[in-house]
C-alpha atoms as a PDB file:
ATOM      1  CA  MET A   1      52.042 -26.294 -46.269  1.00  0.00           C
ATOM      2  CA  ASP A   2      52.474 -25.050 -42.693  1.00  0.00           C
ATOM      3  CA  ASN A   3      50.033 -26.996 -40.466  1.00  0.00           C
ATOM      4  CA  LYS A   4      49.794 -24.146 -37.970  1.00  0.00           C
ATOM      5  CA  ARG A   5      48.826 -21.810 -40.785  1.00  0.00           C
ATOM      6  CA  VAL A   6      46.137 -24.225 -41.955  1.00  0.00           C
ATOM      7  CA  THR A   7      44.745 -24.478 -38.441  1.00  0.00           C
ATOM      8  CA  ARG A   8      44.791 -20.714 -38.108  1.00  0.00           C
ATOM      9  CA  ARG A   9      42.871 -20.352 -41.370  1.00  0.00           C
ATOM     10  CA  ALA A  10      40.251 -22.796 -40.131  1.00  0.00           C
ATOM     11  CA  ARG A  11      39.805 -20.885 -36.873  1.00  0.00           C
ATOM     12  CA  ILE A  12      39.464 -17.600 -38.739  1.00  0.00           C
ATOM     13  CA  ALA A  13      36.932 -19.091 -41.136  1.00  0.00           C
ATOM     14  CA  LEU A  14      34.856 -20.348 -38.232  1.00  0.00           C
ATOM     15  CA  ALA A  15      35.057 -16.971 -36.543  1.00  0.00           C
ATOM     16  CA  LEU A  16      33.921 -15.209 -39.681  1.00  0.00           C
ATOM     17  CA  ALA A  17      31.024 -17.642 -40.092  1.00  0.00           C
ATOM     18  CA  GLY A  18      29.987 -16.886 -36.520  1.00  0.00           C
ATOM     19  CA  GLY A  19      29.757 -13.186 -37.190  1.00  0.00           C
ATOM     20  CA  THR A  20      33.103 -11.923 -35.943  1.00  0.00           C
ATOM     21  CA  ALA A  21      33.862 -10.363 -39.369  1.00  0.00           C
ATOM     22  CA  LEU A  22      37.480  -9.298 -39.092  1.00  0.00           C
ATOM     23  CA  THR A  23      37.200  -6.652 -41.754  1.00  0.00           C
ATOM     24  CA  ALA A  24      34.146  -5.223 -40.105  1.00  0.00           C
ATOM     25  CA  VAL A  25      35.944  -4.998 -36.787  1.00  0.00           C
ATOM     26  CA  VAL A  26      38.879  -3.232 -38.383  1.00  0.00           C
ATOM     27  CA  ALA A  27      36.533  -0.755 -40.012  1.00  0.00           C
ATOM     28  CA  GLN A  28      35.377   0.309 -36.552  1.00  0.00           C
ATOM     29  CA  ILE A  29      38.850   1.234 -35.293  1.00  0.00           C
ATOM     30  CA  PRO A  30      39.296   5.025 -35.233  1.00  0.00           C
ATOM     31  CA  ALA A  31      41.791   6.454 -37.706  1.00  0.00           C
ATOM     32  CA  ASN A  32      43.932   7.872 -34.893  1.00  0.00           C
ATOM     33  CA  ALA A  33      44.030   4.656 -32.863  1.00  0.00           C
ATOM     34  CA  THR A  34      47.345   3.201 -31.761  1.00  0.00           C
ATOM     35  CA  ALA A  35      48.531  -0.283 -32.625  1.00  0.00           C
ATOM     36  CA  GLY A  36      47.952  -1.426 -29.067  1.00  0.00           C
ATOM     37  CA  GLN A  37      44.241  -0.625 -28.951  1.00  0.00           C
ATOM     38  CA  ALA A  38      41.883  -3.543 -28.541  1.00  0.00           C
ATOM     39  CA  ALA A  39      39.303  -4.407 -31.169  1.00  0.00           C
ATOM     40  CA  PRO A  40      35.638  -3.846 -30.250  1.00  0.00           C
ATOM     41  CA  HIS A  41      33.905  -6.479 -28.148  1.00  0.00           C
ATOM     42  CA  ARG A  42      31.769  -9.094 -29.913  1.00  0.00           C
ATOM     43  CA  ALA A  43      28.691  -7.236 -28.680  1.00  0.00           C
ATOM     44  CA  ALA A  44      29.526  -4.490 -31.174  1.00  0.00           C
ATOM     45  CA  ALA A  45      29.384  -6.940 -34.096  1.00  0.00           C
ATOM     46  CA  ALA A  46      26.002  -5.743 -35.348  1.00  0.00           C
ATOM     47  CA  SER A  47      27.029  -2.092 -35.638  1.00  0.00           C
ATOM     48  CA  ALA A  48      30.416  -3.128 -37.019  1.00  0.00           C
ATOM     49  CA  ALA A  49      28.718  -5.195 -39.712  1.00  0.00           C
ATOM     50  CA  GLN A  50      26.488  -2.275 -40.636  1.00  0.00           C
ATOM     51  CA  HIS A  51      29.517  -0.011 -40.958  1.00  0.00           C
ATOM     52  CA  ALA A  52      31.305  -2.684 -42.990  1.00  0.00           C
ATOM     53  CA  SER A  53      28.467  -2.817 -45.490  1.00  0.00           C
ATOM     54  CA  ARG A  54      29.270   0.799 -46.315  1.00  0.00           C
ATOM     55  CA  SER A  55      33.071   0.737 -46.206  1.00  0.00           C
ATOM     56  CA  ALA A  56      34.590  -2.738 -46.215  1.00  0.00           C
ATOM     57  CA  GLY A  57      32.040  -4.698 -48.201  1.00  0.00           C
ATOM     58  CA  THR A  58      32.753  -8.328 -48.960  1.00  0.00           C
ATOM     59  CA  ALA A  59      35.835 -10.083 -47.640  1.00  0.00           C
ATOM     60  CA  ASP A  60      37.448 -10.306 -51.075  1.00  0.00           C
ATOM     61  CA  GLY A  61      37.125  -6.569 -51.751  1.00  0.00           C
ATOM     62  CA  THR A  62      34.818  -6.882 -54.767  1.00  0.00           C
ATOM     63  CA  SER A  63      32.491  -4.204 -53.396  1.00  0.00           C
ATOM     64  CA  TYR A  64      35.225  -1.695 -54.212  1.00  0.00           C
ATOM     65  CA  ASP A  65      34.823  -2.322 -57.945  1.00  0.00           C
ATOM     66  CA  ASP A  66      32.288   0.458 -58.409  1.00  0.00           C
ATOM     67  CA  THR A  67      34.230   2.920 -56.271  1.00  0.00           C
ATOM     68  CA  TYR A  68      37.913   2.347 -55.577  1.00  0.00           C
ATOM     69  CA  TYR A  69      38.613   0.334 -58.747  1.00  0.00           C
ATOM     70  CA  LYS A  70      36.057   1.909 -61.075  1.00  0.00           C
ATOM     71  CA  ASP A  71      38.736   3.439 -63.342  1.00  0.00           C
ATOM     72  CA  ALA A  72      40.428   0.051 -63.771  1.00  0.00           C
ATOM     73  CA  GLU A  73      37.363  -1.977 -64.694  1.00  0.00           C
ATOM     74  CA  GLY A  74      37.414  -3.508 -68.178  1.00  0.00           C
ATOM     75  CA  LYS A  75      41.104  -2.764 -68.810  1.00  0.00           C
ATOM     76  CA  THR A  76      43.969  -5.153 -69.506  1.00  0.00           C
ATOM     77  CA  GLY A  77      47.713  -4.965 -70.100  1.00  0.00           C
ATOM     78  CA  GLN A  78      49.504  -1.650 -69.744  1.00  0.00           C
ATOM     79  CA  ALA A  79      46.222   0.256 -69.546  1.00  0.00           C
ATOM     80  CA  LEU A  80      45.213  -1.753 -66.477  1.00  0.00           C
ATOM     81  CA  LYS A  81      48.632  -1.326 -64.909  1.00  0.00           C
ATOM     82  CA  ASP A  82      48.544   2.443 -65.485  1.00  0.00           C
ATOM     83  CA  ALA A  83      45.040   2.723 -64.050  1.00  0.00           C
ATOM     84  CA  LEU A  84      45.968   0.748 -60.945  1.00  0.00           C
ATOM     85  CA  HIS A  85      49.075   2.867 -60.465  1.00  0.00           C
ATOM     86  CA  ARG A  86      47.003   6.033 -60.479  1.00  0.00           C
ATOM     87  CA  ILE A  87      44.520   4.536 -58.031  1.00  0.00           C
ATOM     88  CA  ILE A  88      46.928   3.138 -55.454  1.00  0.00           C
ATOM     89  CA  SER A  89      49.338   6.074 -55.583  1.00  0.00           C
ATOM     90  CA  THR A  90      46.757   8.885 -55.325  1.00  0.00           C
ATOM     91  CA  THR A  91      44.880   7.154 -52.503  1.00  0.00           C
ATOM     92  CA  GLN A  92      48.030   6.510 -50.478  1.00  0.00           C
ATOM     93  CA  THR A  93      47.446   9.486 -48.206  1.00  0.00           C
ATOM     94  CA  GLY A  94      49.109   7.852 -45.217  1.00  0.00           C
ATOM     95  CA  LYS A  95      52.876   7.395 -45.408  1.00  0.00           C
ATOM     96  CA  LEU A  96      54.967   6.058 -42.564  1.00  0.00           C
ATOM     97  CA  THR A  97      58.457   6.670 -41.269  1.00  0.00           C
ATOM     98  CA  TYR A  98      60.661   3.635 -40.798  1.00  0.00           C
ATOM     99  CA  ASP A  99      60.225   3.859 -37.022  1.00  0.00           C
ATOM    100  CA  GLN A 100      56.430   3.927 -37.381  1.00  0.00           C
ATOM    101  CA  VAL A 101      56.604   0.662 -39.335  1.00  0.00           C
ATOM    102  CA  TRP A 102      57.328  -1.239 -36.106  1.00  0.00           C
ATOM    103  CA  ASP A 103      53.946  -0.393 -34.561  1.00  0.00           C
ATOM    104  CA  ALA A 104      52.081  -0.790 -37.855  1.00  0.00           C
ATOM    105  CA  LEU A 105      53.362  -4.350 -38.328  1.00  0.00           C
ATOM    106  CA  LYS A 106      52.288  -5.231 -34.803  1.00  0.00           C
ATOM    107  CA  GLU A 107      48.728  -4.655 -35.970  1.00  0.00           C
ATOM    108  CA  THR A 108      48.784  -5.688 -39.631  1.00  0.00           C
ATOM    109  CA  ASP A 109      50.418  -9.031 -38.833  1.00  0.00           C
ATOM    110  CA  GLN A 110      48.812  -9.740 -35.479  1.00  0.00           C
ATOM    111  CA  ASP A 111      48.237 -13.386 -34.701  1.00  0.00           C
ATOM    112  CA  PRO A 112      44.421 -13.810 -34.777  1.00  0.00           C
ATOM    113  CA  ASP A 113      44.758 -16.429 -32.032  1.00  0.00           C
ATOM    114  CA  ASN A 114      46.971 -14.310 -29.757  1.00  0.00           C
ATOM    115  CA  SER A 115      46.684 -10.522 -29.811  1.00  0.00           C
ATOM    116  CA  GLY A 116      50.056 -10.174 -28.098  1.00  0.00           C
ATOM    117  CA  ASN A 117      51.901 -11.847 -30.969  1.00  0.00           C
ATOM    118  CA  VAL A 118      52.661 -11.354 -34.646  1.00  0.00           C
ATOM    119  CA  ILE A 119      53.016 -14.051 -37.315  1.00  0.00           C
ATOM    120  CA  LEU A 120      56.444 -14.154 -38.944  1.00  0.00           C
ATOM    121  CA  LEU A 121      56.294 -14.362 -42.732  1.00  0.00           C
ATOM    122  CA  TYR A 122      58.770 -17.105 -43.628  1.00  0.00           C
ATOM    123  CA  THR A 123      58.907 -19.142 -40.420  1.00  0.00           C
ATOM    124  CA  GLY A 124      55.163 -18.913 -39.733  1.00  0.00           C
ATOM    125  CA  ARG A 125      56.049 -18.629 -36.061  1.00  0.00           C
ATOM    126  CA  SER A 126      53.828 -16.723 -33.653  1.00  0.00           C
ATOM    127  CA  GLN A 127      56.093 -14.440 -31.646  1.00  0.00           C
ATOM    128  CA  SER A 128      55.632 -11.734 -29.034  1.00  0.00           C
ATOM    129  CA  LYS A 129      55.134  -8.275 -30.496  1.00  0.00           C
ATOM    130  CA  ASP A 130      57.698  -7.014 -27.991  1.00  0.00           C
ATOM    131  CA  ALA A 131      60.402  -9.462 -29.149  1.00  0.00           C
ATOM    132  CA  ASN A 132      61.507  -7.168 -31.955  1.00  0.00           C
ATOM    133  CA  GLY A 133      64.964  -5.765 -32.541  1.00  0.00           C
ATOM    134  CA  GLY A 134      68.347  -6.959 -33.726  1.00  0.00           C
ATOM    135  CA  ASN A 135      69.082 -10.099 -31.719  1.00  0.00           C
ATOM    136  CA  PRO A 136      69.205 -13.380 -33.691  1.00  0.00           C
ATOM    137  CA  ASP A 137      65.858 -14.662 -32.380  1.00  0.00           C
ATOM    138  CA  ASP A 138      64.086 -11.281 -32.460  1.00  0.00           C
ATOM    139  CA  TRP A 139      61.860 -10.286 -35.342  1.00  0.00           C
ATOM    140  CA  ASN A 140      62.625  -7.337 -37.576  1.00  0.00           C
ATOM    141  CA  ARG A 141      61.255  -5.603 -40.669  1.00  0.00           C
ATOM    142  CA  GLU A 142      61.646  -7.709 -43.802  1.00  0.00           C
ATOM    143  CA  HIS A 143      61.554  -5.862 -47.128  1.00  0.00           C
ATOM    144  CA  VAL A 144      59.962  -8.437 -49.427  1.00  0.00           C
ATOM    145  CA  TRP A 145      61.056  -6.283 -52.370  1.00  0.00           C
ATOM    146  CA  ALA A 146      64.661  -6.075 -51.174  1.00  0.00           C
ATOM    147  CA  LYS A 147      65.529  -2.417 -50.687  1.00  0.00           C
ATOM    148  CA  SER A 148      68.872  -2.861 -52.471  1.00  0.00           C
ATOM    149  CA  HIS A 149      66.984  -3.736 -55.678  1.00  0.00           C
ATOM    150  CA  GLY A 150      66.707  -0.119 -56.748  1.00  0.00           C
ATOM    151  CA  ASP A 151      68.662   1.190 -53.736  1.00  0.00           C
ATOM    152  CA  PHE A 152      65.651   3.006 -52.256  1.00  0.00           C
ATOM    153  CA  GLY A 153      66.720   2.596 -48.639  1.00  0.00           C
ATOM    154  CA  THR A 154      64.380   3.174 -45.706  1.00  0.00           C
ATOM    155  CA  ASP A 155      63.281   6.743 -46.330  1.00  0.00           C
ATOM    156  CA  THR A 156      59.518   7.265 -46.457  1.00  0.00           C
ATOM    157  CA  GLY A 157      58.375   5.735 -49.740  1.00  0.00           C
ATOM    158  CA  PRO A 158      59.017   2.209 -51.034  1.00  0.00           C
ATOM    159  CA  GLY A 159      61.319   1.597 -48.066  1.00  0.00           C
ATOM    160  CA  THR A 160      58.446   2.105 -45.613  1.00  0.00           C
ATOM    161  CA  ASP A 161      55.484   0.843 -47.642  1.00  0.00           C
ATOM    162  CA  ILE A 162      53.900  -1.731 -45.348  1.00  0.00           C
ATOM    163  CA  HIS A 163      52.223  -3.544 -48.200  1.00  0.00           C
ATOM    164  CA  HIS A 164      55.588  -5.305 -48.658  1.00  0.00           C
ATOM    165  CA  LEU A 165      57.092  -5.031 -45.166  1.00  0.00           C
ATOM    166  CA  ARG A 166      56.537  -8.044 -42.918  1.00  0.00           C
ATOM    167  CA  PRO A 167      57.792  -9.274 -39.538  1.00  0.00           C
ATOM    168  CA  GLU A 168      60.481 -11.934 -39.818  1.00  0.00           C
ATOM    169  CA  ASP A 169      63.035 -13.686 -37.642  1.00  0.00           C
ATOM    170  CA  VAL A 170      66.301 -11.745 -37.755  1.00  0.00           C
ATOM    171  CA  SER A 171      68.492 -14.667 -38.794  1.00  0.00           C
ATOM    172  CA  VAL A 172      66.029 -15.928 -41.419  1.00  0.00           C
ATOM    173  CA  ASN A 173      65.748 -12.389 -42.782  1.00  0.00           C
ATOM    174  CA  SER A 174      69.531 -12.408 -43.084  1.00  0.00           C
ATOM    175  CA  ILE A 175      69.471 -15.725 -44.958  1.00  0.00           C
ATOM    176  CA  ARG A 176      66.967 -14.306 -47.450  1.00  0.00           C
ATOM    177  CA  GLY A 177      69.017 -11.093 -47.682  1.00  0.00           C
ATOM    178  CA  ASN A 178      68.421  -9.416 -51.038  1.00  0.00           C
ATOM    179  CA  LYS A 179      67.983 -12.610 -53.042  1.00  0.00           C
ATOM    180  CA  ASP A 180      65.467 -12.882 -55.836  1.00  0.00           C
ATOM    181  CA  PHE A 181      62.634 -15.399 -55.593  1.00  0.00           C
ATOM    182  CA  ASP A 182      62.732 -18.756 -57.350  1.00  0.00           C
ATOM    183  CA  ASN A 183      62.116 -22.438 -56.722  1.00  0.00           C
ATOM    184  CA  GLY A 184      64.819 -24.648 -55.287  1.00  0.00           C
ATOM    185  CA  GLY A 185      67.819 -24.527 -53.041  1.00  0.00           C
ATOM    186  CA  THR A 186      68.803 -26.002 -49.704  1.00  0.00           C
ATOM    187  CA  LYS A 187      66.259 -26.143 -46.903  1.00  0.00           C
ATOM    188  CA  VAL A 188      66.441 -23.380 -44.320  1.00  0.00           C
ATOM    189  CA  ASP A 189      66.755 -25.230 -41.011  1.00  0.00           C
ATOM    190  CA  GLU A 190      65.299 -22.431 -38.907  1.00  0.00           C
ATOM    191  CA  ALA A 191      62.356 -21.993 -41.273  1.00  0.00           C
ATOM    192  CA  PRO A 192      61.025 -25.387 -42.436  1.00  0.00           C
ATOM    193  CA  GLY A 193      59.476 -25.299 -45.897  1.00  0.00           C
ATOM    194  CA  ASN A 194      61.760 -22.502 -47.100  1.00  0.00           C
ATOM    195  CA  PHE A 195      64.735 -23.031 -49.401  1.00  0.00           C
ATOM    196  CA  SER A 196      67.685 -20.875 -50.369  1.00  0.00           C
ATOM    197  CA  ASP A 197      70.715 -20.939 -52.629  1.00  0.00           C
ATOM    198  CA  ASP A 198      73.308 -18.399 -53.749  1.00  0.00           C
ATOM    199  CA  ASP A 199      70.956 -16.186 -55.728  1.00  0.00           C
ATOM    200  CA  SER A 200      67.358 -17.030 -54.818  1.00  0.00           C
ATOM    201  CA  PHE A 201      64.946 -17.790 -51.998  1.00  0.00           C
ATOM    202  CA  GLU A 202      61.838 -19.973 -52.008  1.00  0.00           C
ATOM    203  CA  PRO A 203      59.304 -19.236 -49.224  1.00  0.00           C
ATOM    204  CA  ARG A 204      57.053 -21.837 -47.654  1.00  0.00           C
ATOM    205  CA  ASP A 205      53.969 -22.845 -49.643  1.00  0.00           C
ATOM    206  CA  ALA A 206      51.511 -21.019 -47.362  1.00  0.00           C
ATOM    207  CA  VAL A 207      52.933 -17.584 -48.255  1.00  0.00           C
ATOM    208  CA  LYS A 208      54.175 -18.039 -51.814  1.00  0.00           C
ATOM    209  CA  GLY A 209      51.181 -16.143 -53.183  1.00  0.00           C
ATOM    210  CA  ASP A 210      51.530 -13.439 -50.522  1.00  0.00           C
ATOM    211  CA  VAL A 211      55.128 -12.854 -51.625  1.00  0.00           C
ATOM    212  CA  ALA A 212      54.167 -12.716 -55.306  1.00  0.00           C
ATOM    213  CA  ARG A 213      51.340 -10.240 -54.761  1.00  0.00           C
ATOM    214  CA  MET A 214      53.545  -7.975 -52.616  1.00  0.00           C
ATOM    215  CA  ILE A 215      56.207  -7.885 -55.322  1.00  0.00           C
ATOM    216  CA  LEU A 216      53.670  -7.109 -58.048  1.00  0.00           C
ATOM    217  CA  TYR A 217      52.036  -4.399 -55.923  1.00  0.00           C
ATOM    218  CA  MET A 218      55.429  -2.697 -55.655  1.00  0.00           C
ATOM    219  CA  ALA A 219      55.906  -2.890 -59.424  1.00  0.00           C
ATOM    220  CA  VAL A 220      52.594  -1.108 -60.002  1.00  0.00           C
ATOM    221  CA  ARG A 221      52.901   1.414 -57.180  1.00  0.00           C
ATOM    222  CA  TYR A 222      56.441   2.658 -57.957  1.00  0.00           C
ATOM    223  CA  ASP A 223      56.906   3.497 -61.616  1.00  0.00           C
ATOM    224  CA  GLY A 224      59.682   6.102 -61.386  1.00  0.00           C
ATOM    225  CA  GLY A 225      57.362   9.093 -61.395  1.00  0.00           C
ATOM    226  CA  ASP A 226      57.725  10.153 -57.761  1.00  0.00           C
ATOM    227  CA  GLY A 227      61.489  10.367 -57.380  1.00  0.00           C
ATOM    228  CA  PHE A 228      61.980   6.661 -56.669  1.00  0.00           C
ATOM    229  CA  PRO A 229      63.219   3.989 -59.097  1.00  0.00           C
ATOM    230  CA  ASP A 230      60.871   2.351 -61.591  1.00  0.00           C
ATOM    231  CA  LEU A 231      60.471  -1.079 -59.997  1.00  0.00           C
ATOM    232  CA  GLU A 232      59.801  -3.900 -62.430  1.00  0.00           C
ATOM    233  CA  PRO A 233      59.850  -7.684 -62.043  1.00  0.00           C
ATOM    234  CA  ASN A 234      61.794  -9.706 -64.599  1.00  0.00           C
ATOM    235  CA  ASP A 235      62.517 -13.359 -65.191  1.00  0.00           C
ATOM    236  CA  ASN A 236      66.077 -13.248 -63.903  1.00  0.00           C
ATOM    237  CA  VAL A 237      67.819 -13.927 -60.616  1.00  0.00           C
ATOM    238  CA  ASP A 238      70.917 -12.214 -59.233  1.00  0.00           C
ATOM    239  CA  ASN A 239      69.564  -8.774 -60.187  1.00  0.00           C
ATOM    240  CA  GLY A 240      71.914  -6.989 -57.799  1.00  0.00           C
ATOM    241  CA  THR A 241      71.147  -3.287 -57.300  1.00  0.00           C
ATOM    242  CA  GLN A 242      69.048  -2.984 -60.449  1.00  0.00           C
ATOM    243  CA  PRO A 243      65.398  -2.003 -59.771  1.00  0.00           C
ATOM    244  CA  HIS A 244      64.253  -5.487 -60.768  1.00  0.00           C
ATOM    245  CA  ILE A 245      63.368  -8.695 -58.980  1.00  0.00           C
ATOM    246  CA  GLY A 246      62.564 -12.146 -60.265  1.00  0.00           C
ATOM    247  CA  ARG A 247      61.542 -14.603 -61.318  1.00  0.00           C
ATOM    248  CA  LEU A 248      58.330 -13.214 -62.739  1.00  0.00           C
ATOM    249  CA  SER A 249      57.245 -16.541 -64.256  1.00  0.00           C
ATOM    250  CA  VAL A 250      57.624 -18.222 -60.865  1.00  0.00           C
ATOM    251  CA  LEU A 251      55.861 -15.413 -58.998  1.00  0.00           C
ATOM    252  CA  LYS A 252      52.883 -15.717 -61.337  1.00  0.00           C
ATOM    253  CA  LYS A 253      52.636 -19.441 -60.632  1.00  0.00           C
ATOM    254  CA  TRP A 254      52.904 -18.841 -56.890  1.00  0.00           C
ATOM    255  CA  SER A 255      50.053 -16.352 -57.021  1.00  0.00           C
ATOM    256  CA  GLU A 256      47.868 -18.939 -58.763  1.00  0.00           C
ATOM    257  CA  GLN A 257      48.850 -21.801 -56.461  1.00  0.00           C
ATOM    258  CA  ASP A 258      48.369 -19.833 -53.227  1.00  0.00           C
ATOM    259  CA  PRO A 259      45.338 -17.516 -53.588  1.00  0.00           C
ATOM    260  CA  PRO A 260      44.641 -14.800 -50.988  1.00  0.00           C
ATOM    261  CA  ASP A 261      43.536 -16.172 -47.640  1.00  0.00           C
ATOM    262  CA  THR A 262      41.707 -14.492 -44.773  1.00  0.00           C
ATOM    263  CA  PHE A 263      44.906 -13.352 -43.037  1.00  0.00           C
ATOM    264  CA  GLU A 264      46.169 -11.645 -46.207  1.00  0.00           C
ATOM    265  CA  LYS A 265      42.797 -10.012 -46.931  1.00  0.00           C
ATOM    266  CA  HIS A 266      42.498  -8.781 -43.366  1.00  0.00           C
ATOM    267  CA  ARG A 267      46.001  -7.323 -43.563  1.00  0.00           C
ATOM    268  CA  ASN A 268      45.084  -5.467 -46.754  1.00  0.00           C
ATOM    269  CA  GLN A 269      42.011  -4.039 -45.040  1.00  0.00           C
ATOM    270  CA  VAL A 270      43.933  -2.838 -41.972  1.00  0.00           C
ATOM    271  CA  ILE A 271      46.434  -1.019 -44.181  1.00  0.00           C
ATOM    272  CA  PHE A 272      43.590   0.558 -46.139  1.00  0.00           C
ATOM    273  CA  ASP A 273      41.463   1.558 -43.159  1.00  0.00           C
ATOM    274  CA  LYS A 274      44.114   2.745 -40.759  1.00  0.00           C
ATOM    275  CA  TYR A 275      47.544   3.335 -42.241  1.00  0.00           C
ATOM    276  CA  GLN A 276      48.190   4.015 -45.927  1.00  0.00           C
ATOM    277  CA  HIS A 277      44.577   4.138 -47.197  1.00  0.00           C
ATOM    278  CA  ASN A 278      45.501   2.337 -50.408  1.00  0.00           C
ATOM    279  CA  ARG A 279      45.023  -1.308 -51.322  1.00  0.00           C
ATOM    280  CA  ASN A 280      46.987  -4.118 -52.894  1.00  0.00           C
ATOM    281  CA  PRO A 281      44.821  -4.743 -55.981  1.00  0.00           C
ATOM    282  CA  PHE A 282      46.193  -8.246 -56.494  1.00  0.00           C
ATOM    283  CA  ILE A 283      44.743  -9.357 -53.169  1.00  0.00           C
ATOM    284  CA  ASP A 284      41.311  -8.038 -54.167  1.00  0.00           C
ATOM    285  CA  HIS A 285      41.677  -9.241 -57.768  1.00  0.00           C
ATOM    286  CA  PRO A 286      44.369 -11.926 -58.148  1.00  0.00           C
ATOM    287  CA  GLU A 287      43.186 -12.496 -61.716  1.00  0.00           C
ATOM    288  CA  TRP A 288      44.640  -9.099 -62.635  1.00  0.00           C
ATOM    289  CA  VAL A 289      48.143 -10.587 -62.354  1.00  0.00           C
ATOM    290  CA  GLY A 290      47.610 -12.499 -65.595  1.00  0.00           C
ATOM    291  CA  LYS A 291      45.889  -9.545 -67.247  1.00  0.00           C
ATOM    292  CA  ILE A 292      49.004  -7.378 -66.813  1.00  0.00           C
ATOM    293  CA  TRP A 293      51.919  -9.833 -67.051  1.00  0.00           C
END
């Protein structure tokens, strides 16, 4: 596991224990704020916490069970999947253009230890928000569900859904390409802890669960009913342009081995509060992975 990530988690946990309450702070940011706006000062923590008790609730999202997820409660299998699809698609009232994704990622993936940086998904590196673009050491927009798997491109829709778009080093993004996810391969020198071969990519341990839950969110959100392909995970690799990605059995294990951490939960809350206004249900309820697949 990435030592920097572990340290970052510890700092966040201490901050939360001291009353910083990341989700509460996010809840206080106005809906029309820009990505560059600063979070409220610590002196506003009391009012932020009061607001959070009404909107954000607990850090793991369970307070949404009686509201946001009420139509999914008690269901399993296809019925649960269908209910979650209705919830996360009808509440997605904010949809971004591909250009707007740049600024959104600068906030959703902000380094909690350095507000001028973002955390890159596979490398775990903290990098300046302004170092984005197309140069080899810049960061760009990684489609965790590769956009060629279903050929949905970058038009507003699955191609701009920030629940599965993450900042990543340009050259590492290129190494991952459109490969499926699986265990094994040769180590990626520029991204220690990651492995790749001809048809699959294995991310570092600290984000294996993040990757799995992003893929499964996409499978629930996009079912073919809104003009985009019906995205479904399978247990294969080398899926090409088919609207599938694998391996499902491996993704399920990754989700169990790497449960949602504070960074991932905070990211989910920022997307909900400020950008798309829908949630990744598998971050709030990782146990639902096994109840559907």
